Structure formats: structure tokens, C-alpha cells
Amino acid sequence: MQTFATGWLLAGAACILGLAAYAALLWRRVWLAKQQREQQLSVQKKQRHEDLLVLANGFLSGQMPWAEGCIRIKVILDHYDAEMSMHSDYHVLQTVFSATQHIPSHDAWRQLSSAEKKPFQQLLAELELKHKQESIRAVQQLLTYLQAS
């Protein structure tokens, strides 16, 4: 009878060891996946940092249309640091983004006639007149922050 109990005890211990080994294997896979994800996020953050530097410099040197620059910087900044993008210093970028969301872009813009584009162009001109100086200050501040980090 004692050998019977010992057999069950050994079988139970083997099952526990097997399950423990399997749990360790699964934990290692999760840990490796987490490490890989953190590395991916780090690479993406560095890329967005570089993208923001290029966009900010291009915006401040007038290498892109004003509204397009505001929109592009706002979108990348949202992905770079969502909390930072909501800071009041950068609110002007959100304002321009929100005010221009309804304007067709890319192929849809090219398909518009000159008469259809005119009200949108007028809106863009009004927004630029109203927000250009504030947006320049915001992008200068962003550029200073990015260059320091």
C-alpha cells in the first residue's frame, strides 16, 4: 500500500514539476514579448522625435504651407507624447487641426474645382492670419524642447 501511495506521490510531483516548467516557459515568452514591445516603442519614439525636428524646422523656415505644418506637427506630437500635445502651449495646433478637419485632402482636394477650393482657401487664410504668430511661438518652443532632449 505504501508503494502505491509513493507512486501517486511521485506522479503528482512529476505533474507539478511539468506544470511549473510549462509556466516558466510561458512566463519567459511573455517577458520576451514585453521586452520586444518596449524596444519597438523606443524606436518609434526616437523616429517621431526626428520627424518632429524635421517638421518643426521646415515649418519655421516656411518650407511647407502653414496649415499643413500645424496639422502634421499636431498629429506626430499626439503620437510622440499625448500628454505634452494637450499642454496649453500647443493648443493652437489643435485649434488649427480642428478648424481644418473638414477640408478635403490629397486626391479629394485635387478633384475640386477652383470655385470649390475658394471657400477652403479663404478659411485657411483667415486661420493663418489669426493663429500664425501663436503657432510660430508654439513650434519654436517645441523645437527648443526637442533639441534639449
N, C-alpha and C. Protein backbone atom coordinates (compact mmCIF):
# COMPACT_ATOMS: atom_id res chain seq x y z
N MET A 1 0.82 -1.19 0.00
CA MET A 1 0.00 0.00 0.00
C MET A 1 0.86 1.25 0.00
N GLN A 2 1.99 1.13 0.75
CA GLN A 2 2.86 2.30 0.82
C GLN A 2 3.50 2.57 -0.54
N THR A 3 3.83 1.57 -1.31
CA THR A 3 4.42 1.76 -2.63
C THR A 3 3.40 2.37 -3.59
N PHE A 4 2.13 2.00 -3.38
CA PHE A 4 1.05 2.58 -4.19
C PHE A 4 0.96 4.09 -3.93
N ALA A 5 1.00 4.49 -2.67
CA ALA A 5 0.93 5.91 -2.28
C ALA A 5 2.17 6.64 -2.78
N THR A 6 3.32 5.98 -2.70
CA THR A 6 4.55 6.60 -3.18
C THR A 6 4.48 6.82 -4.68
N GLY A 7 3.90 5.89 -5.39
CA GLY A 7 3.73 6.03 -6.84
C GLY A 7 2.87 7.23 -7.19
N TRP A 8 1.77 7.39 -6.47
CA TRP A 8 0.90 8.55 -6.71
C TRP A 8 1.61 9.84 -6.34
N LEU A 9 2.36 9.82 -5.28
CA LEU A 9 3.10 11.00 -4.84
C LEU A 9 4.12 11.40 -5.91
N LEU A 10 4.84 10.42 -6.44
CA LEU A 10 5.81 10.69 -7.50
C LEU A 10 5.12 11.20 -8.77
N ALA A 11 3.99 10.59 -9.10
CA ALA A 11 3.25 11.03 -10.29
C ALA A 11 2.76 12.47 -10.09
N GLY A 12 2.28 12.77 -8.90
CA GLY A 12 1.82 14.13 -8.61
C GLY A 12 2.95 15.12 -8.66
N ALA A 13 4.11 14.74 -8.10
CA ALA A 13 5.28 15.62 -8.13
C ALA A 13 5.74 15.86 -9.57
N ALA A 14 5.70 14.81 -10.40
CA ALA A 14 6.09 14.95 -11.81
C ALA A 14 5.14 15.91 -12.53
N CYS A 15 3.85 15.80 -12.25
CA CYS A 15 2.87 16.71 -12.87
C CYS A 15 3.12 18.15 -12.44
N ILE A 16 3.38 18.33 -11.15
CA ILE A 16 3.64 19.68 -10.63
C ILE A 16 4.90 20.25 -11.27
N LEU A 17 5.95 19.45 -11.37
CA LEU A 17 7.19 19.91 -12.00
C LEU A 17 6.96 20.24 -13.48
N GLY A 18 6.20 19.41 -14.14
CA GLY A 18 5.89 19.65 -15.55
C GLY A 18 5.11 20.94 -15.74
N LEU A 19 4.11 21.14 -14.88
CA LEU A 19 3.32 22.38 -14.97
C LEU A 19 4.16 23.60 -14.62
N ALA A 20 5.05 23.45 -13.65
CA ALA A 20 5.94 24.56 -13.26
C ALA A 20 6.87 24.91 -14.42
N ALA A 21 7.40 23.90 -15.08
CA ALA A 21 8.29 24.14 -16.23
C ALA A 21 7.52 24.84 -17.36
N TYR A 22 6.29 24.39 -17.60
CA TYR A 22 5.46 25.00 -18.65
C TYR A 22 5.13 26.45 -18.29
N ALA A 23 4.82 26.69 -17.01
CA ALA A 23 4.53 28.06 -16.55
C ALA A 23 5.76 28.94 -16.72
N ALA A 24 6.93 28.42 -16.43
CA ALA A 24 8.17 29.19 -16.60
C ALA A 24 8.40 29.51 -18.09
N LEU A 25 8.14 28.55 -18.95
CA LEU A 25 8.27 28.76 -20.38
C LEU A 25 7.32 29.86 -20.86
N LEU A 26 6.07 29.80 -20.42
CA LEU A 26 5.10 30.83 -20.80
C LEU A 26 5.50 32.20 -20.25
N TRP A 27 5.97 32.23 -19.00
CA TRP A 27 6.40 33.50 -18.41
C TRP A 27 7.55 34.09 -19.21
N ARG A 28 8.49 33.25 -19.63
CA ARG A 28 9.63 33.73 -20.43
C ARG A 28 9.15 34.30 -21.76
N ARG A 29 8.21 33.66 -22.40
CA ARG A 29 7.66 34.17 -23.67
C ARG A 29 7.02 35.53 -23.47
N VAL A 30 6.25 35.67 -22.40
CA VAL A 30 5.60 36.95 -22.09
C VAL A 30 6.66 38.01 -21.83
N TRP A 31 7.67 37.68 -21.06
CA TRP A 31 8.73 38.61 -20.74
C TRP A 31 9.47 39.06 -22.00
N LEU A 32 9.79 38.10 -22.89
CA LEU A 32 10.47 38.43 -24.14
C LEU A 32 9.59 39.31 -25.03
N ALA A 33 8.31 39.01 -25.08
CA ALA A 33 7.39 39.83 -25.88
C ALA A 33 7.31 41.25 -25.32
N LYS A 34 7.30 41.36 -24.01
CA LYS A 34 7.27 42.69 -23.38
C LYS A 34 8.55 43.46 -23.70
N GLN A 35 9.69 42.79 -23.61
CA GLN A 35 10.97 43.44 -23.93
C GLN A 35 10.99 43.90 -25.38
N GLN A 36 10.49 43.05 -26.27
CA GLN A 36 10.47 43.39 -27.69
C GLN A 36 9.54 44.58 -27.95
N ARG A 37 8.40 44.61 -27.29
CA ARG A 37 7.45 45.71 -27.44
C ARG A 37 8.04 47.02 -26.93
N GLU A 38 8.72 46.95 -25.79
CA GLU A 38 9.36 48.15 -25.24
C GLU A 38 10.44 48.67 -26.18
N GLN A 39 11.17 47.77 -26.79
CA GLN A 39 12.21 48.17 -27.75
C GLN A 39 11.56 48.83 -28.98
N GLN A 40 10.46 48.25 -29.46
CA GLN A 40 9.74 48.83 -30.60
C GLN A 40 9.25 50.24 -30.26
N LEU A 41 8.67 50.41 -29.08
CA LEU A 41 8.16 51.71 -28.67
C LEU A 41 9.29 52.73 -28.57
N SER A 42 10.44 52.30 -28.10
CA SER A 42 11.59 53.19 -28.01
C SER A 42 12.05 53.64 -29.40
N VAL A 43 12.10 52.70 -30.33
CA VAL A 43 12.49 53.03 -31.71
C VAL A 43 11.47 53.99 -32.33
N GLN A 44 10.19 53.72 -32.12
CA GLN A 44 9.14 54.60 -32.65
C GLN A 44 9.23 55.99 -32.06
N LYS A 45 9.49 56.08 -30.76
CA LYS A 45 9.60 57.40 -30.11
C LYS A 45 10.78 58.18 -30.69
N LYS A 46 11.91 57.51 -30.90
CA LYS A 46 13.07 58.18 -31.49
C LYS A 46 12.74 58.66 -32.91
N GLN A 47 12.03 57.84 -33.67
CA GLN A 47 11.67 58.22 -35.04
C GLN A 47 10.73 59.43 -35.03
N ARG A 48 9.77 59.43 -34.13
CA ARG A 48 8.84 60.56 -34.03
C ARG A 48 9.57 61.82 -33.57
N HIS A 49 10.55 61.66 -32.70
CA HIS A 49 11.38 62.79 -32.27
C HIS A 49 12.07 63.40 -33.48
N GLU A 50 12.69 62.55 -34.29
CA GLU A 50 13.36 63.03 -35.51
C GLU A 50 12.36 63.67 -36.48
N ASP A 51 11.20 63.04 -36.64
CA ASP A 51 10.17 63.60 -37.53
C ASP A 51 9.74 64.99 -37.06
N LEU A 52 9.56 65.14 -35.76
CA LEU A 52 9.16 66.44 -35.22
C LEU A 52 10.25 67.48 -35.43
N LEU A 53 11.51 67.11 -35.29
CA LEU A 53 12.60 68.05 -35.54
C LEU A 53 12.57 68.53 -36.99
N VAL A 54 12.41 67.60 -37.91
CA VAL A 54 12.37 67.95 -39.34
C VAL A 54 11.16 68.83 -39.63
N LEU A 55 10.00 68.44 -39.14
CA LEU A 55 8.78 69.22 -39.38
C LEU A 55 8.87 70.62 -38.77
N ALA A 56 9.35 70.70 -37.53
CA ALA A 56 9.44 72.00 -36.87
C ALA A 56 10.40 72.92 -37.61
N ASN A 57 11.55 72.40 -38.02
CA ASN A 57 12.49 73.22 -38.78
C ASN A 57 11.91 73.63 -40.13
N GLY A 58 11.24 72.71 -40.79
CA GLY A 58 10.59 73.03 -42.07
C GLY A 58 9.49 74.05 -41.91
N PHE A 59 8.72 73.92 -40.86
CA PHE A 59 7.63 74.86 -40.58
C PHE A 59 8.18 76.26 -40.34
N LEU A 60 9.19 76.36 -39.48
CA LEU A 60 9.74 77.67 -39.12
C LEU A 60 10.49 78.33 -40.27
N SER A 61 11.00 77.52 -41.21
CA SER A 61 11.69 78.10 -42.35
C SER A 61 10.77 78.31 -43.55
N GLY A 62 9.48 78.02 -43.37
CA GLY A 62 8.50 78.26 -44.43
C GLY A 62 8.56 77.27 -45.58
N GLN A 63 9.07 76.08 -45.33
CA GLN A 63 9.19 75.09 -46.39
C GLN A 63 7.92 74.30 -46.65
N MET A 64 6.88 74.61 -45.92
CA MET A 64 5.60 73.92 -46.13
C MET A 64 4.48 74.91 -45.88
N PRO A 65 3.33 74.65 -46.45
CA PRO A 65 2.19 75.53 -46.17
C PRO A 65 1.92 75.57 -44.67
N TRP A 66 1.54 76.75 -44.18
CA TRP A 66 1.36 76.96 -42.75
C TRP A 66 0.40 75.95 -42.12
N ALA A 67 -0.80 75.83 -42.67
CA ALA A 67 -1.81 74.93 -42.07
C ALA A 67 -1.34 73.48 -42.11
N GLU A 68 -0.73 73.09 -43.21
CA GLU A 68 -0.23 71.72 -43.32
C GLU A 68 0.81 71.44 -42.24
N GLY A 69 1.68 72.40 -42.00
CA GLY A 69 2.69 72.26 -40.96
C GLY A 69 2.06 72.09 -39.59
N CYS A 70 1.08 72.93 -39.27
CA CYS A 70 0.39 72.83 -37.98
C CYS A 70 -0.24 71.45 -37.81
N ILE A 71 -0.90 70.99 -38.85
CA ILE A 71 -1.60 69.70 -38.79
C ILE A 71 -0.62 68.55 -38.63
N ARG A 72 0.43 68.55 -39.44
CA ARG A 72 1.40 67.46 -39.38
C ARG A 72 2.10 67.40 -38.01
N ILE A 73 2.49 68.57 -37.52
CA ILE A 73 3.17 68.61 -36.22
C ILE A 73 2.23 68.13 -35.13
N LYS A 74 0.98 68.57 -35.17
CA LYS A 74 -0.01 68.17 -34.16
C LYS A 74 -0.20 66.66 -34.14
N VAL A 75 -0.33 66.06 -35.31
CA VAL A 75 -0.58 64.61 -35.39
C VAL A 75 0.63 63.82 -34.88
N ILE A 76 1.83 64.21 -35.28
CA ILE A 76 3.03 63.49 -34.81
C ILE A 76 3.23 63.72 -33.32
N LEU A 77 2.98 64.95 -32.86
CA LEU A 77 3.11 65.24 -31.43
C LEU A 77 2.14 64.41 -30.60
N ASP A 78 0.93 64.19 -31.11
CA ASP A 78 -0.04 63.33 -30.42
C ASP A 78 0.54 61.93 -30.19
N HIS A 79 1.23 61.41 -31.19
CA HIS A 79 1.81 60.07 -31.08
C HIS A 79 3.12 60.06 -30.32
N TYR A 80 3.83 61.16 -30.35
CA TYR A 80 5.11 61.26 -29.64
C TYR A 80 4.88 61.34 -28.13
N ASP A 81 3.97 62.23 -27.73
CA ASP A 81 3.68 62.40 -26.30
C ASP A 81 2.29 63.03 -26.18
N ALA A 82 1.28 62.20 -25.98
CA ALA A 82 -0.11 62.67 -25.95
C ALA A 82 -0.34 63.70 -24.86
N GLU A 83 0.28 63.51 -23.72
CA GLU A 83 0.11 64.46 -22.62
C GLU A 83 0.70 65.81 -22.98
N MET A 84 1.85 65.78 -23.58
CA MET A 84 2.51 67.02 -24.00
C MET A 84 1.70 67.75 -25.06
N SER A 85 1.10 67.00 -25.98
CA SER A 85 0.33 67.62 -27.05
C SER A 85 -0.91 68.34 -26.53
N MET A 86 -1.37 67.95 -25.34
CA MET A 86 -2.55 68.61 -24.76
C MET A 86 -2.18 69.82 -23.92
N HIS A 87 -0.90 70.08 -23.77
CA HIS A 87 -0.45 71.22 -22.98
C HIS A 87 -0.92 72.52 -23.64
N SER A 88 -1.25 73.49 -22.84
CA SER A 88 -1.79 74.75 -23.35
C SER A 88 -0.82 75.46 -24.31
N ASP A 89 0.48 75.21 -24.19
CA ASP A 89 1.45 75.83 -25.09
C ASP A 89 1.25 75.41 -26.54
N TYR A 90 0.66 74.23 -26.74
CA TYR A 90 0.49 73.69 -28.09
C TYR A 90 -0.98 73.64 -28.52
N HIS A 91 -1.83 74.29 -27.76
CA HIS A 91 -3.26 74.27 -28.05
C HIS A 91 -3.57 74.84 -29.43
N VAL A 92 -2.80 75.79 -29.88
CA VAL A 92 -3.04 76.39 -31.20
C VAL A 92 -2.99 75.35 -32.31
N LEU A 93 -2.13 74.35 -32.16
CA LEU A 93 -2.05 73.30 -33.17
C LEU A 93 -3.35 72.50 -33.24
N GLN A 94 -3.91 72.22 -32.07
CA GLN A 94 -5.21 71.53 -32.02
C GLN A 94 -6.30 72.40 -32.61
N THR A 95 -6.25 73.69 -32.35
CA THR A 95 -7.25 74.62 -32.88
C THR A 95 -7.24 74.60 -34.40
N VAL A 96 -6.06 74.68 -34.99
CA VAL A 96 -5.94 74.65 -36.45
C VAL A 96 -6.39 73.30 -36.99
N PHE A 97 -5.99 72.24 -36.34
CA PHE A 97 -6.39 70.90 -36.76
C PHE A 97 -7.91 70.77 -36.78
N SER A 98 -8.54 71.17 -35.69
CA SER A 98 -10.00 71.05 -35.57
C SER A 98 -10.72 71.92 -36.61
N ALA A 99 -10.19 73.09 -36.86
CA ALA A 99 -10.83 74.01 -37.80
C ALA A 99 -10.68 73.57 -39.25
N THR A 100 -9.74 72.68 -39.52
CA THR A 100 -9.48 72.28 -40.91
C THR A 100 -9.83 70.82 -41.20
N GLN A 101 -10.34 70.11 -40.22
CA GLN A 101 -10.63 68.68 -40.41
C GLN A 101 -11.58 68.40 -41.57
N HIS A 102 -12.48 69.30 -41.82
CA HIS A 102 -13.48 69.07 -42.86
C HIS A 102 -12.98 69.37 -44.27
N ILE A 103 -11.80 69.93 -44.39
CA ILE A 103 -11.26 70.28 -45.71
C ILE A 103 -10.74 69.02 -46.38
N PRO A 104 -11.15 68.79 -47.61
CA PRO A 104 -10.66 67.61 -48.33
C PRO A 104 -9.15 67.67 -48.50
N SER A 105 -8.52 66.51 -48.55
CA SER A 105 -7.07 66.49 -48.73
C SER A 105 -6.68 65.50 -49.82
N HIS A 106 -5.45 65.59 -50.21
CA HIS A 106 -4.85 64.70 -51.20
C HIS A 106 -5.66 64.66 -52.50
N ASP A 107 -6.08 63.47 -52.90
CA ASP A 107 -6.81 63.31 -54.17
C ASP A 107 -8.13 64.07 -54.17
N ALA A 108 -8.80 64.07 -53.03
CA ALA A 108 -10.09 64.77 -52.95
C ALA A 108 -9.90 66.26 -53.19
N TRP A 109 -8.81 66.84 -52.72
CA TRP A 109 -8.52 68.26 -52.94
C TRP A 109 -8.24 68.51 -54.42
N ARG A 110 -7.46 67.64 -55.04
CA ARG A 110 -7.11 67.81 -56.45
C ARG A 110 -8.34 67.71 -57.35
N GLN A 111 -9.34 66.98 -56.90
CA GLN A 111 -10.54 66.82 -57.71
C GLN A 111 -11.49 68.00 -57.61
N LEU A 112 -11.27 68.89 -56.66
CA LEU A 112 -12.14 70.06 -56.51
C LEU A 112 -11.84 71.08 -57.60
N SER A 113 -12.88 71.77 -58.03
CA SER A 113 -12.68 72.87 -58.98
C SER A 113 -12.13 74.07 -58.23
N SER A 114 -11.65 75.05 -58.97
CA SER A 114 -11.13 76.28 -58.34
C SER A 114 -12.20 76.96 -57.50
N ALA A 115 -13.43 76.95 -58.00
CA ALA A 115 -14.53 77.58 -57.27
C ALA A 115 -14.82 76.82 -55.97
N GLU A 116 -14.69 75.51 -55.99
CA GLU A 116 -14.93 74.71 -54.78
C GLU A 116 -13.81 74.88 -53.75
N LYS A 117 -12.61 75.15 -54.24
CA LYS A 117 -11.47 75.32 -53.34
C LYS A 117 -11.48 76.69 -52.66
N LYS A 118 -12.10 77.66 -53.30
CA LYS A 118 -12.03 79.05 -52.83
C LYS A 118 -12.47 79.24 -51.37
N PRO A 119 -13.63 78.70 -50.92
CA PRO A 119 -14.00 78.90 -49.52
C PRO A 119 -13.01 78.26 -48.53
N PHE A 120 -12.45 77.14 -48.92
CA PHE A 120 -11.46 76.49 -48.06
C PHE A 120 -10.19 77.33 -47.98
N GLN A 121 -9.78 77.86 -49.12
CA GLN A 121 -8.59 78.71 -49.15
C GLN A 121 -8.81 79.97 -48.32
N GLN A 122 -10.03 80.50 -48.37
CA GLN A 122 -10.35 81.68 -47.57
C GLN A 122 -10.27 81.34 -46.08
N LEU A 123 -10.80 80.20 -45.70
CA LEU A 123 -10.74 79.76 -44.30
C LEU A 123 -9.28 79.61 -43.85
N LEU A 124 -8.46 78.99 -44.70
CA LEU A 124 -7.06 78.80 -44.36
C LEU A 124 -6.35 80.13 -44.19
N ALA A 125 -6.66 81.09 -45.06
CA ALA A 125 -6.05 82.42 -44.96
C ALA A 125 -6.47 83.11 -43.66
N GLU A 126 -7.74 82.99 -43.28
CA GLU A 126 -8.23 83.59 -42.04
C GLU A 126 -7.58 82.95 -40.82
N LEU A 127 -7.47 81.63 -40.84
CA LEU A 127 -6.83 80.92 -39.73
C LEU A 127 -5.36 81.32 -39.61
N GLU A 128 -4.70 81.43 -40.74
CA GLU A 128 -3.28 81.81 -40.71
C GLU A 128 -3.11 83.22 -40.15
N LEU A 129 -3.95 84.12 -40.59
CA LEU A 129 -3.89 85.50 -40.10
C LEU A 129 -4.10 85.53 -38.58
N LYS A 130 -5.04 84.74 -38.11
CA LYS A 130 -5.41 84.74 -36.69
C LYS A 130 -4.41 83.99 -35.81
N HIS A 131 -3.84 82.90 -36.31
CA HIS A 131 -3.06 82.00 -35.44
C HIS A 131 -1.59 81.85 -35.81
N LYS A 132 -1.13 82.51 -36.84
CA LYS A 132 0.25 82.26 -37.30
C LYS A 132 1.29 82.58 -36.23
N GLN A 133 1.21 83.75 -35.63
CA GLN A 133 2.23 84.14 -34.64
C GLN A 133 2.24 83.18 -33.45
N GLU A 134 1.06 82.82 -32.98
CA GLU A 134 0.97 81.89 -31.84
C GLU A 134 1.52 80.52 -32.22
N SER A 135 1.24 80.08 -33.45
CA SER A 135 1.74 78.77 -33.88
C SER A 135 3.26 78.79 -34.03
N ILE A 136 3.80 79.90 -34.49
CA ILE A 136 5.25 80.01 -34.61
C ILE A 136 5.90 79.92 -33.22
N ARG A 137 5.33 80.63 -32.26
CA ARG A 137 5.85 80.55 -30.89
C ARG A 137 5.77 79.12 -30.35
N ALA A 138 4.65 78.46 -30.60
CA ALA A 138 4.47 77.09 -30.11
C ALA A 138 5.50 76.15 -30.74
N VAL A 139 5.71 76.28 -32.03
CA VAL A 139 6.65 75.38 -32.72
C VAL A 139 8.08 75.71 -32.32
N GLN A 140 8.39 76.98 -32.11
CA GLN A 140 9.73 77.35 -31.61
C GLN A 140 9.97 76.72 -30.23
N GLN A 141 8.97 76.79 -29.39
CA GLN A 141 9.08 76.20 -28.05
C GLN A 141 9.25 74.68 -28.15
N LEU A 142 8.49 74.06 -29.03
CA LEU A 142 8.61 72.62 -29.24
C LEU A 142 10.01 72.26 -29.73
N LEU A 143 10.51 73.03 -30.68
CA LEU A 143 11.83 72.76 -31.23
C LEU A 143 12.90 72.89 -30.15
N THR A 144 12.79 73.91 -29.32
CA THR A 144 13.73 74.08 -28.21
C THR A 144 13.70 72.88 -27.28
N TYR A 145 12.50 72.42 -26.97
CA TYR A 145 12.34 71.24 -26.10
C TYR A 145 12.96 70.01 -26.75
N LEU A 146 12.68 69.80 -28.03
CA LEU A 146 13.18 68.61 -28.73
C LEU A 146 14.71 68.62 -28.83
N GLN A 147 15.29 69.78 -29.07
CA GLN A 147 16.74 69.86 -29.20
C GLN A 147 17.43 69.63 -27.86
N ALA A 148 16.74 69.96 -26.78
CA ALA A 148 17.32 69.76 -25.44
C ALA A 148 17.20 68.31 -24.98
N SER A 149 16.26 67.57 -25.57
CA SER A 149 16.07 66.19 -25.10
C SER A 149 16.70 65.17 -26.02
